[in-house]
Amino acid sequence: MSTTAAERTGARTDDAAALIGDARERIDALDDRIIGLVQERMAVSAVIQEARITSGGRRVNLAREMEILGRYRDALGKPGTSLAMTLLELCRGRV
């Protein structure tokens, strides 16, 4: 059973459905880039953690994490803090 563009997007007109479809394609492309950047960040974080551990330090630097949380909160508000926490969790690896 086939659905119309309006049904797939929740739009009530074909013009709105086309606009939503185009915007969703842009969002998908942005999400692909964001995922790639997160993966790159995870790799860089692993290098930092390895250097810190090898030098006798701890895997996690809490002062640095607080700095990152503040940056995301300042830029994105309260949800930015949640986003930063998730990002930090991903980048910490197995603690």
Protein backbone atom coordinates (compact mmCIF):
# COMPACT_ATOMS: atom_id res chain seq x y z
CA MET A 1 0.00 0.00 0.00
CA SER A 2 1.53 3.29 -1.13
CA THR A 3 1.38 6.52 0.87
CA THR A 4 1.44 10.03 -0.48
CA ALA A 5 4.16 12.54 0.31
CA ALA A 6 1.69 14.48 2.42
CA GLU A 7 0.91 11.34 4.47
CA ARG A 8 4.62 10.56 4.95
CA THR A 9 5.43 14.08 6.14
CA GLY A 10 2.26 14.98 8.02
CA ALA A 11 1.82 17.98 5.71
CA ARG A 12 -1.57 18.99 4.41
CA THR A 13 -0.45 20.24 1.02
CA ASP A 14 1.88 18.92 -1.66
CA ASP A 15 3.98 22.11 -1.48
CA ALA A 16 4.50 21.70 2.25
CA ALA A 17 5.27 18.00 1.78
CA ALA A 18 7.93 18.85 -0.82
CA LEU A 19 9.49 21.46 1.46
CA ILE A 20 9.52 19.01 4.39
CA GLY A 21 11.00 16.27 2.21
CA ASP A 22 13.84 18.55 1.10
CA ALA A 23 14.48 19.73 4.66
CA ARG A 24 14.55 16.14 5.91
CA GLU A 25 17.20 15.30 3.31
CA ARG A 26 19.29 18.20 4.63
CA ILE A 27 18.78 16.98 8.21
CA ASP A 28 19.86 13.46 7.22
CA ALA A 29 23.02 14.88 5.64
CA LEU A 30 23.72 16.98 8.74
CA ASP A 31 23.18 13.95 10.97
CA ASP A 32 25.70 11.98 8.88
CA ARG A 33 28.23 14.77 9.38
CA ILE A 34 27.50 15.00 13.12
CA ILE A 35 27.97 11.24 13.52
CA GLY A 36 31.28 11.45 11.66
CA LEU A 37 32.43 14.32 13.88
CA VAL A 38 31.45 12.43 17.03
CA GLN A 39 33.40 9.40 15.83
CA GLU A 40 36.39 11.65 15.11
CA ARG A 41 36.06 13.20 18.58
CA MET A 42 35.98 9.72 20.13
CA ALA A 43 39.23 8.82 18.37
CA VAL A 44 40.98 12.03 19.48
CA SER A 45 39.73 11.51 23.02
CA ALA A 46 41.16 7.98 23.02
CA VAL A 47 44.58 9.40 22.07
CA ILE A 48 44.39 11.91 24.94
CA GLN A 49 43.30 9.24 27.42
CA GLU A 50 46.10 6.91 26.36
CA ALA A 51 48.69 9.67 26.76
CA ARG A 52 47.32 10.61 30.15
CA ILE A 53 47.26 6.99 31.40
CA THR A 54 50.70 6.21 29.97
CA SER A 55 52.13 9.21 31.82
CA GLY A 56 50.65 7.95 35.09
CA GLY A 57 47.57 10.15 35.08
CA ARG A 58 43.91 9.33 35.29
CA ARG A 59 41.75 8.49 32.30
CA VAL A 60 39.25 11.28 33.00
CA ASN A 61 40.01 14.93 33.77
CA LEU A 62 36.95 16.20 35.65
CA ALA A 63 37.97 19.86 35.44
CA ARG A 64 38.14 19.58 31.65
CA GLU A 65 34.77 17.83 31.54
CA MET A 66 33.21 20.66 33.58
CA GLU A 67 34.68 23.13 31.09
CA ILE A 68 33.06 21.23 28.21
CA LEU A 69 29.71 21.01 30.03
CA GLY A 70 29.79 24.78 30.56
CA ARG A 71 30.58 25.45 26.91
CA TYR A 72 27.64 23.36 25.70
CA ARG A 73 25.30 24.82 28.33
CA ASP A 74 26.28 28.37 27.39
CA ALA A 75 25.78 27.70 23.68
CA LEU A 76 22.65 25.53 23.82
CA GLY A 77 21.02 26.05 27.20
CA LYS A 78 20.03 23.28 29.58
CA PRO A 79 19.62 20.65 26.82
CA GLY A 80 23.22 21.41 25.83
CA THR A 81 24.34 20.02 29.18
CA SER A 82 22.57 16.73 28.46
CA LEU A 83 24.08 16.62 24.99
CA ALA A 84 27.56 17.25 26.39
CA MET A 85 27.09 14.54 29.03
CA THR A 86 26.18 12.04 26.31
CA LEU A 87 29.12 13.13 24.20
CA LEU A 88 31.51 12.81 27.13
CA GLU A 89 30.12 9.37 27.94
CA LEU A 90 30.71 8.26 24.35
CA CYS A 91 34.23 9.64 24.35
CA ARG A 92 35.31 8.20 27.68
CA GLY A 93 35.20 4.67 26.35
CA ARG A 94 35.14 1.87 28.88
CA VAL A 95 35.99 3.36 32.26
